[in-house]
Amino acid sequence: QRFGRIITYGFQGAADAPGWVHRSAFGAAKVGLVSLTKTIALEEAEYGITANMVCPGNIVGAMKEAGIADARVRRDAETPVGRPGTGEDIARVIAFLCEDDSDFITGAVIDVTGGANVIYRHLFR
């Protein structure tokens, strides 16, 4: 068909292989998935198949199902953009990557965090 989209999920900073205390197995698996995603991107490019990774930030509780409009009326002091992230934030990135005209984006690891450093947030308070 000369078309396909593969989207994998990681965590903020996965492309840089950061250490993450108490999450060694999870971190190793996701960083391995970065390599797999980038390898698939190279191997399948000639067939019109793209492979990218989306790395959500700290989207918790009801915000996983919330929309961006709902989040804009809330304050989140730990996120530089000032509002919590939502499932819609992630879905919009995925929808963009799945478009026909997104065929030039492959092998990318995209952090969707509102500017927050999810892993090392305790260092920046």
PDB file of N, CA and C in Angstrom:
ATOM      1  N   GLN A   1       0.807  -1.197   0.000  1.00  0.00           N
ATOM      2  CA  GLN A   1       0.000   0.000   0.000  1.00  0.00           C
ATOM      3  C   GLN A   1       0.856   1.270   0.000  1.00  0.00           C
ATOM      4  N   ARG A   2       2.158   1.141   0.301  1.00  0.00           N
ATOM      5  CA  ARG A   2       3.077   2.269   0.320  1.00  0.00           C
ATOM      6  C   ARG A   2       2.661   3.335   1.323  1.00  0.00           C
ATOM      7  N   PHE A   3       2.030   2.906   2.421  1.00  0.00           N
ATOM      8  CA  PHE A   3       1.624   3.829   3.478  1.00  0.00           C
ATOM      9  C   PHE A   3       1.492   3.059   4.777  1.00  0.00           C
ATOM     10  N   GLY A   4       1.971   3.662   5.847  1.00  0.00           N
ATOM     11  CA  GLY A   4       1.779   3.090   7.175  1.00  0.00           C
ATOM     12  C   GLY A   4       2.321   4.035   8.226  1.00  0.00           C
ATOM     13  N   ARG A   5       1.755   3.953   9.410  1.00  0.00           N
ATOM     14  CA  ARG A   5       2.194   4.786  10.526  1.00  0.00           C
ATOM     15  C   ARG A   5       2.344   3.900  11.754  1.00  0.00           C
ATOM     16  N   ILE A   6       3.517   3.960  12.352  1.00  0.00           N
ATOM     17  CA  ILE A   6       3.787   3.244  13.593  1.00  0.00           C
ATOM     18  C   ILE A   6       4.083   4.299  14.643  1.00  0.00           C
ATOM     19  N   ILE A   7       3.333   4.269  15.745  1.00  0.00           N
ATOM     20  CA  ILE A   7       3.530   5.211  16.835  1.00  0.00           C
ATOM     21  C   ILE A   7       3.802   4.393  18.094  1.00  0.00           C
ATOM     22  N   THR A   8       4.936   4.638  18.730  1.00  0.00           N
ATOM     23  CA  THR A   8       5.246   3.986  19.994  1.00  0.00           C
ATOM     24  C   THR A   8       5.179   5.024  21.105  1.00  0.00           C
ATOM     25  N   TYR A   9       5.091   4.541  22.343  1.00  0.00           N
ATOM     26  CA  TYR A   9       5.021   5.427  23.505  1.00  0.00           C
ATOM     27  C   TYR A   9       6.275   5.302  24.344  1.00  0.00           C
ATOM     28  N   GLY A  10       6.780   6.429  24.781  1.00  0.00           N
ATOM     29  CA  GLY A  10       7.925   6.435  25.662  1.00  0.00           C
ATOM     30  C   GLY A  10       7.650   7.275  26.888  1.00  0.00           C
ATOM     31  N   PHE A  11       8.694   7.882  27.408  1.00  0.00           N
ATOM     32  CA  PHE A  11       8.575   8.823  28.508  1.00  0.00           C
ATOM     33  C   PHE A  11       9.491   9.990  28.217  1.00  0.00           C
ATOM     34  N   GLN A  12       9.207  11.127  28.837  1.00  0.00           N
ATOM     35  CA  GLN A  12       9.974  12.340  28.581  1.00  0.00           C
ATOM     36  C   GLN A  12      11.463  12.059  28.700  1.00  0.00           C
ATOM     37  N   GLY A  13      12.210  12.449  27.671  1.00  0.00           N
ATOM     38  CA  GLY A  13      13.648  12.279  27.680  1.00  0.00           C
ATOM     39  C   GLY A  13      14.137  10.906  27.271  1.00  0.00           C
ATOM     40  N   ALA A  14      13.259  10.019  26.844  1.00  0.00           N
ATOM     41  CA  ALA A  14      13.664   8.646  26.508  1.00  0.00           C
ATOM     42  C   ALA A  14      14.766   8.610  25.450  1.00  0.00           C
ATOM     43  N   ALA A  15      14.763   9.562  24.545  1.00  0.00           N
ATOM     44  CA  ALA A  15      15.766   9.567  23.472  1.00  0.00           C
ATOM     45  C   ALA A  15      17.174   9.814  23.998  1.00  0.00           C
ATOM     46  N   ASP A  16      17.269  10.403  25.184  1.00  0.00           N
ATOM     47  CA  ASP A  16      18.575  10.694  25.770  1.00  0.00           C
ATOM     48  C   ASP A  16      19.013   9.650  26.792  1.00  0.00           C
ATOM     49  N   ALA A  17      18.225   8.603  26.972  1.00  0.00           N
ATOM     50  CA  ALA A  17      18.516   7.509  27.894  1.00  0.00           C
ATOM     51  C   ALA A  17      18.871   7.991  29.302  1.00  0.00           C
ATOM     52  N   PRO A  18      17.978   8.781  29.927  1.00  0.00           N
ATOM     53  CA  PRO A  18      18.273   9.251  31.273  1.00  0.00           C
ATOM     54  C   PRO A  18      18.106   8.126  32.300  1.00  0.00           C
ATOM     55  N   GLY A  19      18.787   8.264  33.399  1.00  0.00           N
ATOM     56  CA  GLY A  19      18.535   7.350  34.510  1.00  0.00           C
ATOM     57  C   GLY A  19      17.250   7.772  35.202  1.00  0.00           C
ATOM     58  N   TRP A  20      16.523   6.816  35.737  1.00  0.00           N
ATOM     59  CA  TRP A  20      15.274   7.137  36.411  1.00  0.00           C
ATOM     60  C   TRP A  20      15.184   6.246  37.638  1.00  0.00           C
ATOM     61  N   VAL A  21      15.397   6.814  38.791  1.00  0.00           N
ATOM     62  CA  VAL A  21      15.459   6.070  40.043  1.00  0.00           C
ATOM     63  C   VAL A  21      14.194   5.229  40.253  1.00  0.00           C
ATOM     64  N   HIS A  22      14.394   3.975  40.612  1.00  0.00           N
ATOM     65  CA  HIS A  22      13.333   3.003  40.912  1.00  0.00           C
ATOM     66  C   HIS A  22      12.507   2.601  39.690  1.00  0.00           C
ATOM     67  N   ARG A  23      13.007   2.861  38.514  1.00  0.00           N
ATOM     68  CA  ARG A  23      12.287   2.482  37.292  1.00  0.00           C
ATOM     69  C   ARG A  23      13.247   1.902  36.261  1.00  0.00           C
ATOM     70  N   SER A  24      14.193   1.124  36.707  1.00  0.00           N
ATOM     71  CA  SER A  24      15.237   0.629  35.805  1.00  0.00           C
ATOM     72  C   SER A  24      14.685  -0.244  34.686  1.00  0.00           C
ATOM     73  N   ALA A  25      13.805  -1.170  34.991  1.00  0.00           N
ATOM     74  CA  ALA A  25      13.263  -2.056  33.950  1.00  0.00           C
ATOM     75  C   ALA A  25      12.410  -1.263  32.958  1.00  0.00           C
ATOM     76  N   PHE A  26      11.571  -0.375  33.479  1.00  0.00           N
ATOM     77  CA  PHE A  26      10.733   0.462  32.625  1.00  0.00           C
ATOM     78  C   PHE A  26      11.605   1.333  31.732  1.00  0.00           C
ATOM     79  N   GLY A  27      12.609   1.977  32.333  1.00  0.00           N
ATOM     80  CA  GLY A  27      13.509   2.851  31.574  1.00  0.00           C
ATOM     81  C   GLY A  27      14.248   2.090  30.488  1.00  0.00           C
ATOM     82  N   ALA A  28      14.762   0.920  30.830  1.00  0.00           N
ATOM     83  CA  ALA A  28      15.504   0.119  29.846  1.00  0.00           C
ATOM     84  C   ALA A  28      14.596  -0.301  28.688  1.00  0.00           C
ATOM     85  N   ALA A  29      13.386  -0.691  29.007  1.00  0.00           N
ATOM     86  CA  ALA A  29      12.449  -1.111  27.961  1.00  0.00           C
ATOM     87  C   ALA A  29      12.107   0.049  27.024  1.00  0.00           C
ATOM     88  N   LYS A  30      11.836   1.210  27.587  1.00  0.00           N
ATOM     89  CA  LYS A  30      11.452   2.358  26.756  1.00  0.00           C
ATOM     90  C   LYS A  30      12.624   2.876  25.925  1.00  0.00           C
ATOM     91  N   VAL A  31      13.811   2.882  26.494  1.00  0.00           N
ATOM     92  CA  VAL A  31      14.968   3.329  25.735  1.00  0.00           C
ATOM     93  C   VAL A  31      15.266   2.339  24.608  1.00  0.00           C
ATOM     94  N   GLY A  32      15.057   1.044  24.869  1.00  0.00           N
ATOM     95  CA  GLY A  32      15.180   0.054  23.805  1.00  0.00           C
ATOM     96  C   GLY A  32      14.148   0.291  22.714  1.00  0.00           C
ATOM     97  N   LEU A  33      12.958   0.723  23.120  1.00  0.00           N
ATOM     98  CA  LEU A  33      11.896   1.018  22.157  1.00  0.00           C
ATOM     99  C   LEU A  33      12.251   2.239  21.305  1.00  0.00           C
ATOM    100  N   VAL A  34      13.015   3.177  21.857  1.00  0.00           N
ATOM    101  CA  VAL A  34      13.515   4.306  21.056  1.00  0.00           C
ATOM    102  C   VAL A  34      14.344   3.766  19.903  1.00  0.00           C
ATOM    103  N   SER A  35      15.282   2.879  20.217  1.00  0.00           N
ATOM    104  CA  SER A  35      16.145   2.312  19.177  1.00  0.00           C
ATOM    105  C   SER A  35      15.330   1.526  18.155  1.00  0.00           C
ATOM    106  N   LEU A  36      14.380   0.743  18.618  1.00  0.00           N
ATOM    107  CA  LEU A  36      13.526  -0.018  17.705  1.00  0.00           C
ATOM    108  C   LEU A  36      12.747   0.932  16.793  1.00  0.00           C
ATOM    109  N   THR A  37      12.174   1.978  17.361  1.00  0.00           N
ATOM    110  CA  THR A  37      11.404   2.944  16.568  1.00  0.00           C
ATOM    111  C   THR A  37      12.273   3.590  15.490  1.00  0.00           C
ATOM    112  N   LYS A  38      13.475   4.009  15.867  1.00  0.00           N
ATOM    113  CA  LYS A  38      14.380   4.645  14.905  1.00  0.00           C
ATOM    114  C   LYS A  38      14.849   3.656  13.833  1.00  0.00           C
ATOM    115  N   THR A  39      15.041   2.410  14.226  1.00  0.00           N
ATOM    116  CA  THR A  39      15.461   1.389  13.270  1.00  0.00           C
ATOM    117  C   THR A  39      14.336   1.078  12.282  1.00  0.00           C
ATOM    118  N   ILE A  40      13.136   0.915  12.791  1.00  0.00           N
ATOM    119  CA  ILE A  40      11.982   0.674  11.912  1.00  0.00           C
ATOM    120  C   ILE A  40      11.808   1.852  10.950  1.00  0.00           C
ATOM    121  N   ALA A  41      12.008   3.077  11.456  1.00  0.00           N
ATOM    122  CA  ALA A  41      11.880   4.265  10.601  1.00  0.00           C
ATOM    123  C   ALA A  41      12.815   4.176   9.404  1.00  0.00           C
ATOM    124  N   LEU A  42      14.039   3.719   9.636  1.00  0.00           N
ATOM    125  CA  LEU A  42      15.006   3.586   8.544  1.00  0.00           C
ATOM    126  C   LEU A  42      14.658   2.427   7.615  1.00  0.00           C
ATOM    127  N   GLU A  43      14.307   1.298   8.199  1.00  0.00           N
ATOM    128  CA  GLU A  43      14.052   0.097   7.398  1.00  0.00           C
ATOM    129  C   GLU A  43      12.787   0.193   6.551  1.00  0.00           C
ATOM    130  N   GLU A  44      11.798   0.911   7.025  1.00  0.00           N
ATOM    131  CA  GLU A  44      10.498   0.939   6.338  1.00  0.00           C
ATOM    132  C   GLU A  44      10.241   2.217   5.545  1.00  0.00           C
ATOM    133  N   ALA A  45      11.154   3.172   5.600  1.00  0.00           N
ATOM    134  CA  ALA A  45      10.943   4.464   4.932  1.00  0.00           C
ATOM    135  C   ALA A  45      10.650   4.312   3.451  1.00  0.00           C
ATOM    136  N   GLU A  46      11.373   3.463   2.780  1.00  0.00           N
ATOM    137  CA  GLU A  46      11.177   3.311   1.335  1.00  0.00           C
ATOM    138  C   GLU A  46       9.798   2.762   0.984  1.00  0.00           C
ATOM    139  N   TYR A  47       9.101   2.203   1.959  1.00  0.00           N
ATOM    140  CA  TYR A  47       7.759   1.646   1.726  1.00  0.00           C
ATOM    141  C   TYR A  47       6.647   2.611   2.141  1.00  0.00           C
ATOM    142  N   GLY A  48       7.023   3.852   2.476  1.00  0.00           N
ATOM    143  CA  GLY A  48       6.022   4.842   2.870  1.00  0.00           C
ATOM    144  C   GLY A  48       5.540   4.680   4.298  1.00  0.00           C
ATOM    145  N   ILE A  49       6.265   3.919   5.095  1.00  0.00           N
ATOM    146  CA  ILE A  49       5.899   3.691   6.488  1.00  0.00           C
ATOM    147  C   ILE A  49       6.778   4.556   7.377  1.00  0.00           C
ATOM    148  N   THR A  50       6.145   5.299   8.262  1.00  0.00           N
ATOM    149  CA  THR A  50       6.889   6.098   9.228  1.00  0.00           C
ATOM    150  C   THR A  50       6.774   5.463  10.606  1.00  0.00           C
ATOM    151  N   ALA A  51       7.763   5.736  11.439  1.00  0.00           N
ATOM    152  CA  ALA A  51       7.749   5.257  12.823  1.00  0.00           C
ATOM    153  C   ALA A  51       8.241   6.389  13.711  1.00  0.00           C
ATOM    154  N   ASN A  52       7.442   6.740  14.688  1.00  0.00           N
ATOM    155  CA  ASN A  52       7.774   7.821  15.607  1.00  0.00           C
ATOM    156  C   ASN A  52       7.356   7.436  17.019  1.00  0.00           C
ATOM    157  N   MET A  53       7.971   8.087  17.996  1.00  0.00           N
ATOM    158  CA  MET A  53       7.635   7.846  19.397  1.00  0.00           C
ATOM    159  C   MET A  53       7.072   9.121  20.007  1.00  0.00           C
ATOM    160  N   VAL A  54       5.990   8.977  20.753  1.00  0.00           N
ATOM    161  CA  VAL A  54       5.389  10.076  21.492  1.00  0.00           C
ATOM    162  C   VAL A  54       5.644   9.821  22.971  1.00  0.00           C
ATOM    163  N   CYS A  55       6.151  10.838  23.659  1.00  0.00           N
ATOM    164  CA  CYS A  55       6.530  10.707  25.068  1.00  0.00           C
ATOM    165  C   CYS A  55       5.719  11.675  25.916  1.00  0.00           C
ATOM    166  N   PRO A  56       4.625  11.190  26.510  1.00  0.00           N
ATOM    167  CA  PRO A  56       3.774  12.059  27.324  1.00  0.00           C
ATOM    168  C   PRO A  56       4.463  12.520  28.598  1.00  0.00           C
ATOM    169  N   GLY A  57       4.019  13.676  29.072  1.00  0.00           N
ATOM    170  CA  GLY A  57       4.461  14.183  30.360  1.00  0.00           C
ATOM    171  C   GLY A  57       3.614  13.600  31.475  1.00  0.00           C
ATOM    172  N   ASN A  58       3.507  14.339  32.543  1.00  0.00           N
ATOM    173  CA  ASN A  58       2.808  13.873  33.736  1.00  0.00           C
ATOM    174  C   ASN A  58       1.312  14.140  33.610  1.00  0.00           C
ATOM    175  N   ILE A  59       0.630  13.264  32.909  1.00  0.00           N
ATOM    176  CA  ILE A  59      -0.819  13.394  32.720  1.00  0.00           C
ATOM    177  C   ILE A  59      -1.467  12.383  33.652  1.00  0.00           C
ATOM    178  N   VAL A  60      -2.171  12.882  34.662  1.00  0.00           N
ATOM    179  CA  VAL A  60      -2.655  12.002  35.724  1.00  0.00           C
ATOM    180  C   VAL A  60      -4.164  12.123  35.933  1.00  0.00           C
ATOM    181  N   GLY A  61      -4.707  11.086  36.543  1.00  0.00           N
ATOM    182  CA  GLY A  61      -6.104  11.089  36.960  1.00  0.00           C
ATOM    183  C   GLY A  61      -7.077  11.412  35.852  1.00  0.00           C
ATOM    184  N   ALA A  62      -8.028  12.266  36.205  1.00  0.00           N
ATOM    185  CA  ALA A  62      -9.097  12.635  35.268  1.00  0.00           C
ATOM    186  C   ALA A  62      -8.564  13.356  34.035  1.00  0.00           C
ATOM    187  N   MET A  63      -7.368  13.914  34.120  1.00  0.00           N
ATOM    188  CA  MET A  63      -6.818  14.648  32.981  1.00  0.00           C
ATOM    189  C   MET A  63      -6.495  13.722  31.810  1.00  0.00           C
ATOM    190  N   LYS A  64      -6.366  12.442  32.063  1.00  0.00           N
ATOM    191  CA  LYS A  64      -6.128  11.496  30.964  1.00  0.00           C
ATOM    192  C   LYS A  64      -7.297  11.488  29.986  1.00  0.00           C
ATOM    193  N   GLU A  65      -8.487  11.722  30.495  1.00  0.00           N
ATOM    194  CA  GLU A  65      -9.695  11.726  29.665  1.00  0.00           C
ATOM    195  C   GLU A  65     -10.175  13.137  29.346  1.00  0.00           C
ATOM    196  N   ALA A  66      -9.538  14.144  29.904  1.00  0.00           N
ATOM    197  CA  ALA A  66      -9.982  15.528  29.734  1.00  0.00           C
ATOM    198  C   ALA A  66      -9.515  16.101  28.402  1.00  0.00           C
ATOM    199  N   GLY A  67     -10.192  17.166  28.004  1.00  0.00           N
ATOM    200  CA  GLY A  67      -9.803  17.885  26.794  1.00  0.00           C
ATOM    201  C   GLY A  67      -8.957  19.100  27.142  1.00  0.00           C
ATOM    202  N   ILE A  68      -8.351  19.679  26.133  1.00  0.00           N
ATOM    203  CA  ILE A  68      -7.497  20.842  26.326  1.00  0.00           C
ATOM    204  C   ILE A  68      -8.298  22.015  26.886  1.00  0.00           C
ATOM    205  N   ALA A  69      -9.521  22.220  26.420  1.00  0.00           N
ATOM    206  CA  ALA A  69     -10.348  23.317  26.931  1.00  0.00           C
ATOM    207  C   ALA A  69     -10.578  23.169  28.429  1.00  0.00           C
ATOM    208  N   ASP A  70     -10.774  21.950  28.903  1.00  0.00           N
ATOM    209  CA  ASP A  70     -10.947  21.705  30.339  1.00  0.00           C
ATOM    210  C   ASP A  70      -9.674  22.047  31.104  1.00  0.00           C
ATOM    211  N   ALA A  71      -8.536  21.731  30.534  1.00  0.00           N
ATOM    212  CA  ALA A  71      -7.256  21.970  31.205  1.00  0.00           C
ATOM    213  C   ALA A  71      -6.917  23.450  31.280  1.00  0.00           C
ATOM    214  N   ARG A  72      -7.356  24.215  30.303  1.00  0.00           N
ATOM    215  CA  ARG A  72      -7.012  25.641  30.267  1.00  0.00           C
ATOM    216  C   ARG A  72      -7.639  26.433  31.409  1.00  0.00           C
ATOM    217  N   VAL A  73      -8.657  25.897  32.049  1.00  0.00           N
ATOM    218  CA  VAL A  73      -9.271  26.599  33.187  1.00  0.00           C
ATOM    219  C   VAL A  73      -8.649  26.155  34.513  1.00  0.00           C
ATOM    220  N   ARG A  74      -7.677  25.267  34.453  1.00  0.00           N
ATOM    221  CA  ARG A  74      -6.985  24.801  35.659  1.00  0.00           C
ATOM    222  C   ARG A  74      -5.568  25.353  35.689  1.00  0.00           C
ATOM    223  N   ARG A  75      -5.048  25.484  36.866  1.00  0.00           N
ATOM    224  CA  ARG A  75      -3.674  25.962  37.046  1.00  0.00           C
ATOM    225  C   ARG A  75      -2.805  24.784  37.468  1.00  0.00           C
ATOM    226  N   ASP A  76      -1.618  24.688  36.879  1.00  0.00           N
ATOM    227  CA  ASP A  76      -0.642  23.674  37.272  1.00  0.00           C
ATOM    228  C   ASP A  76       0.700  24.377  37.419  1.00  0.00           C
ATOM    229  N   ALA A  77       1.073  24.669  38.639  1.00  0.00           N
ATOM    230  CA  ALA A  77       2.297  25.418  38.917  1.00  0.00           C
ATOM    231  C   ALA A  77       3.559  24.632  38.580  1.00  0.00           C
ATOM    232  N   GLU A  78       3.463  23.313  38.436  1.00  0.00           N
ATOM    233  CA  GLU A  78       4.640  22.500  38.137  1.00  0.00           C
ATOM    234  C   GLU A  78       4.917  22.376  36.635  1.00  0.00           C
ATOM    235  N   THR A  79       4.017  22.879  35.821  1.00  0.00           N
ATOM    236  CA  THR A  79       4.188  22.809  34.367  1.00  0.00           C
ATOM    237  C   THR A  79       4.425  24.211  33.824  1.00  0.00           C
ATOM    238  N   PRO A  80       5.514  24.430  33.114  1.00  0.00           N
ATOM    239  CA  PRO A  80       5.821  25.771  32.602  1.00  0.00           C
ATOM    240  C   PRO A  80       4.697  26.424  31.792  1.00  0.00           C
ATOM    241  N   VAL A  81       3.907  25.652  31.050  1.00  0.00           N
ATOM    242  CA  VAL A  81       2.812  26.276  30.298  1.00  0.00           C
ATOM    243  C   VAL A  81       1.661  26.686  31.214  1.00  0.00           C
ATOM    244  N   GLY A  82       1.693  26.241  32.470  1.00  0.00           N
ATOM    245  CA  GLY A  82       0.728  26.699  33.459  1.00  0.00           C
ATOM    246  C   GLY A  82      -0.556  25.911  33.572  1.00  0.00           C
ATOM    247  N   ARG A  83      -0.696  24.873  32.781  1.00  0.00           N
ATOM    248  CA  ARG A  83      -1.909  24.052  32.867  1.00  0.00           C
ATOM    249  C   ARG A  83      -1.509  22.578  32.831  1.00  0.00           C
ATOM    250  N   PRO A  84      -2.392  21.707  33.301  1.00  0.00           N
ATOM    251  CA  PRO A  84      -2.066  20.282  33.228  1.00  0.00           C
ATOM    252  C   PRO A  84      -2.188  19.753  31.799  1.00  0.00           C
ATOM    253  N   GLY A  85      -1.479  18.678  31.535  1.00  0.00           N
ATOM    254  CA  GLY A  85      -1.597  18.000  30.249  1.00  0.00           C
ATOM    255  C   GLY A  85      -2.821  17.111  30.226  1.00  0.00           C
ATOM    256  N   THR A  86      -3.272  16.796  29.022  1.00  0.00           N
ATOM    257  CA  THR A  86      -4.477  15.967  28.864  1.00  0.00           C
ATOM    258  C   THR A  86      -4.242  14.867  27.832  1.00  0.00           C
ATOM    259  N   GLY A  87      -5.155  13.934  27.835  1.00  0.00           N
ATOM    260  CA  GLY A  87      -5.132  12.914  26.798  1.00  0.00           C
ATOM    261  C   GLY A  87      -5.275  13.518  25.417  1.00  0.00           C
ATOM    262  N   GLU A  88      -6.023  14.614  25.322  1.00  0.00           N
ATOM    263  CA  GLU A  88      -6.190  15.271  24.022  1.00  0.00           C
ATOM    264  C   GLU A  88      -4.863  15.825  23.510  1.00  0.00           C
ATOM    265  N   ASP A  89      -4.013  16.321  24.409  1.00  0.00           N
ATOM    266  CA  ASP A  89      -2.696  16.811  23.976  1.00  0.00           C
ATOM    267  C   ASP A  89      -1.933  15.711  23.256  1.00  0.00           C
ATOM    268  N   ILE A  90      -1.980  14.509  23.803  1.00  0.00           N
ATOM    269  CA  ILE A  90      -1.274  13.377  23.211  1.00  0.00           C
ATOM    270  C   ILE A  90      -1.958  12.943  21.914  1.00  0.00           C
ATOM    271  N   ALA A  91      -3.283  12.869  21.942  1.00  0.00           N
ATOM    272  CA  ALA A  91      -4.038  12.438  20.766  1.00  0.00           C
ATOM    273  C   ALA A  91      -3.811  13.357  19.568  1.00  0.00           C
ATOM    274  N   ARG A  92      -3.689  14.659  19.804  1.00  0.00           N
ATOM    275  CA  ARG A  92      -3.480  15.611  18.704  1.00  0.00           C
ATOM    276  C   ARG A  92      -2.131  15.386  18.033  1.00  0.00           C
ATOM    277  N   VAL A  93      -1.106  15.066  18.828  1.00  0.00           N
ATOM    278  CA  VAL A  93       0.214  14.780  18.245  1.00  0.00           C
ATOM    279  C   VAL A  93       0.141  13.506  17.411  1.00  0.00           C
ATOM    280  N   ILE A  94      -0.501  12.490  17.955  1.00  0.00           N
ATOM    281  CA  ILE A  94      -0.626  11.222  17.227  1.00  0.00           C
ATOM    282  C   ILE A  94      -1.417  11.416  15.941  1.00  0.00           C
ATOM    283  N   ALA A  95      -2.511  12.147  16.014  1.00  0.00           N
ATOM    284  CA  ALA A  95      -3.320  12.395  14.812  1.00  0.00           C
ATOM    285  C   ALA A  95      -2.489  13.110  13.741  1.00  0.00           C
ATOM    286  N   PHE A  96      -1.689  14.088  14.151  1.00  0.00           N
ATOM    287  CA  PHE A  96      -0.821  14.797  13.209  1.00  0.00           C
ATOM    288  C   PHE A  96       0.162  13.835  12.549  1.00  0.00           C
ATOM    289  N   LEU A  97       0.790  12.977  13.343  1.00  0.00           N
ATOM    290  CA  LEU A  97       1.774  12.038  12.798  1.00  0.00           C
ATOM    291  C   LEU A  97       1.140  11.030  11.835  1.00  0.00           C
ATOM    292  N   CYS A  98      -0.151  10.799  11.980  1.00  0.00           N
ATOM    293  CA  CYS A  98      -0.846   9.835  11.121  1.00  0.00           C
ATOM    294  C   CYS A  98      -1.351  10.433   9.815  1.00  0.00           C
ATOM    295  N   GLU A  99      -1.276  11.729   9.668  1.00  0.00           N
ATOM    296  CA  GLU A  99      -1.735  12.379   8.435  1.00  0.00           C
ATOM    297  C   GLU A  99      -0.862  11.986   7.239  1.00  0.00           C
ATOM    298  N   ASP A 100      -1.461  11.996   6.062  1.00  0.00           N
ATOM    299  CA  ASP A 100      -0.722  11.716   4.827  1.00  0.00           C
ATOM    300  C   ASP A 100       0.474  12.649   4.672  1.00  0.00           C
ATOM    301  N   ASP A 101       0.258  13.923   4.970  1.00  0.00           N
ATOM    302  CA  ASP A 101       1.299  14.923   4.747  1.00  0.00           C
ATOM    303  C   ASP A 101       2.373  14.953   5.846  1.00  0.00           C
ATOM    304  N   SER A 102       2.306  14.029   6.792  1.00  0.00           N
ATOM    305  CA  SER A 102       3.345  13.931   7.817  1.00  0.00           C
ATOM    306  C   SER A 102       4.382  12.875   7.450  1.00  0.00           C
ATOM    307  N   ASP A 103       4.446  12.550   6.177  1.00  0.00           N
ATOM    308  CA  ASP A 103       5.328  11.467   5.726  1.00  0.00           C
ATOM    309  C   ASP A 103       6.813  11.788   5.819  1.00  0.00           C
ATOM    310  N   PHE A 104       7.167  13.050   6.044  1.00  0.00           N
ATOM    311  CA  PHE A 104       8.581  13.413   6.142  1.00  0.00           C
ATOM    312  C   PHE A 104       9.086  13.318   7.586  1.00  0.00           C
ATOM    313  N   ILE A 105       8.169  13.061   8.506  1.00  0.00           N
ATOM    314  CA  ILE A 105       8.540  12.933   9.916  1.00  0.00           C
ATOM    315  C   ILE A 105       8.614  11.449  10.242  1.00  0.00           C
ATOM    316  N   THR A 106       9.820  10.962  10.450  1.00  0.00           N
ATOM    317  CA  THR A 106      10.007   9.559  10.816  1.00  0.00           C
ATOM    318  C   THR A 106      11.283   9.437  11.644  1.00  0.00           C
ATOM    319  N   GLY A 107      11.244   8.547  12.607  1.00  0.00           N
ATOM    320  CA  GLY A 107      12.377   8.376  13.505  1.00  0.00           C
ATOM    321  C   GLY A 107      12.432   9.432  14.594  1.00  0.00           C
ATOM    322  N   ALA A 108      11.364  10.201  14.757  1.00  0.00           N
ATOM    323  CA  ALA A 108      11.336  11.274  15.742  1.00  0.00           C
ATOM    324  C   ALA A 108      10.851  10.768  17.096  1.00  0.00           C
ATOM    325  N   VAL A 109      11.394  11.354  18.141  1.00  0.00           N
ATOM    326  CA  VAL A 109      10.942  11.114  19.507  1.00  0.00           C
ATOM    327  C   VAL A 109      10.435  12.454  20.009  1.00  0.00           C
ATOM    328  N   ILE A 110       9.129  12.538  20.241  1.00  0.00           N
ATOM    329  CA  ILE A 110       8.490  13.813  20.533  1.00  0.00           C
ATOM    330  C   ILE A 110       8.004  13.848  21.974  1.00  0.00           C
ATOM    331  N   ASP A 111       8.611  14.724  22.778  1.00  0.00           N
ATOM    332  CA  ASP A 111       8.168  14.934  24.158  1.00  0.00           C
ATOM    333  C   ASP A 111       6.957  15.854  24.149  1.00  0.00           C
ATOM    334  N   VAL A 112       5.914  15.477  24.875  1.00  0.00           N
ATOM    335  CA  VAL A 112       4.702  16.286  24.999  1.00  0.00           C
ATOM    336  C   VAL A 112       4.489  16.496  26.495  1.00  0.00           C
ATOM    337  N   THR A 113       5.175  17.508  27.034  1.00  0.00           N
ATOM    338  CA  THR A 113       5.250  17.663  28.487  1.00  0.00           C
ATOM    339  C   THR A 113       4.850  19.034  29.009  1.00  0.00           C
ATOM    340  N   GLY A 114       4.468  19.941  28.134  1.00  0.00           N
ATOM    341  CA  GLY A 114       4.175  21.296  28.585  1.00  0.00           C
ATOM    342  C   GLY A 114       5.406  22.016  29.107  1.00  0.00           C
ATOM    343  N   GLY A 115       6.577  21.503  28.743  1.00  0.00           N
ATOM    344  CA  GLY A 115       7.829  22.099  29.189  1.00  0.00           C
ATOM    345  C   GLY A 115       8.332  21.564  30.516  1.00  0.00           C
ATOM    346  N   ALA A 116       7.557  20.697  31.152  1.00  0.00           N
ATOM    347  CA  ALA A 116       7.949  20.155  32.456  1.00  0.00           C
ATOM    348  C   ALA A 116       9.013  19.078  32.298  1.00  0.00           C
ATOM    349  N   ASN A 117       9.889  19.006  33.256  1.00  0.00           N
ATOM    350  CA  ASN A 117      10.850  17.922  33.329  1.00  0.00           C
ATOM    351  C   ASN A 117      10.260  16.894  34.281  1.00  0.00           C
ATOM    352  N   VAL A 118       9.608  15.904  33.729  1.00  0.00           N
ATOM    353  CA  VAL A 118       8.853  14.928  34.501  1.00  0.00           C
ATOM    354  C   VAL A 118       9.756  14.082  35.391  1.00  0.00           C
ATOM    355  N   ILE A 119      10.860  13.642  34.853  1.00  0.00           N
ATOM    356  CA  ILE A 119      11.721  12.724  35.594  1.00  0.00           C
ATOM    357  C   ILE A 119      12.457  13.427  36.721  1.00  0.00           C
ATOM    358  N   TYR A 120      12.990  14.604  36.447  1.00  0.00           N
ATOM    359  CA  TYR A 120      13.810  15.299  37.428  1.00  0.00           C
ATOM    360  C   TYR A 120      13.131  16.544  37.974  1.00  0.00           C
ATOM    361  N   ARG A 121      11.805  16.530  38.065  1.00  0.00           N
ATOM    362  CA  ARG A 121      11.080  17.721  38.484  1.00  0.00           C
ATOM    363  C   ARG A 121      11.462  18.185  39.888  1.00  0.00           C
ATOM    364  N   HIS A 122      11.879  17.250  40.726  1.00  0.00           N
ATOM    365  CA  HIS A 122      12.270  17.634  42.089  1.00  0.00           C
ATOM    366  C   HIS A 122      13.545  18.489  42.098  1.00  0.00           C
ATOM    367  N   LEU A 123      14.317  18.476  41.037  1.00  0.00           N
ATOM    368  CA  LEU A 123      15.544  19.256  40.974  1.00  0.00           C
ATOM    369  C   LEU A 123      15.284  20.715  40.604  1.00  0.00           C
ATOM    370  N   PHE A 124      14.096  21.010  40.086  1.00  0.00           N
ATOM    371  CA  PHE A 124      13.834  22.336  39.553  1.00  0.00           C
ATOM    372  C   PHE A 124      12.794  23.118  40.381  1.00  0.00           C
ATOM    373  N   ARG A 125      12.563  22.711  41.593  1.00  0.00           N
ATOM    374  CA  ARG A 125      11.597  23.418  42.440  1.00  0.00           C
ATOM    375  C   ARG A 125      12.246  24.505  43.217  1.00  0.00           C
TER     376      ARG A 125
END
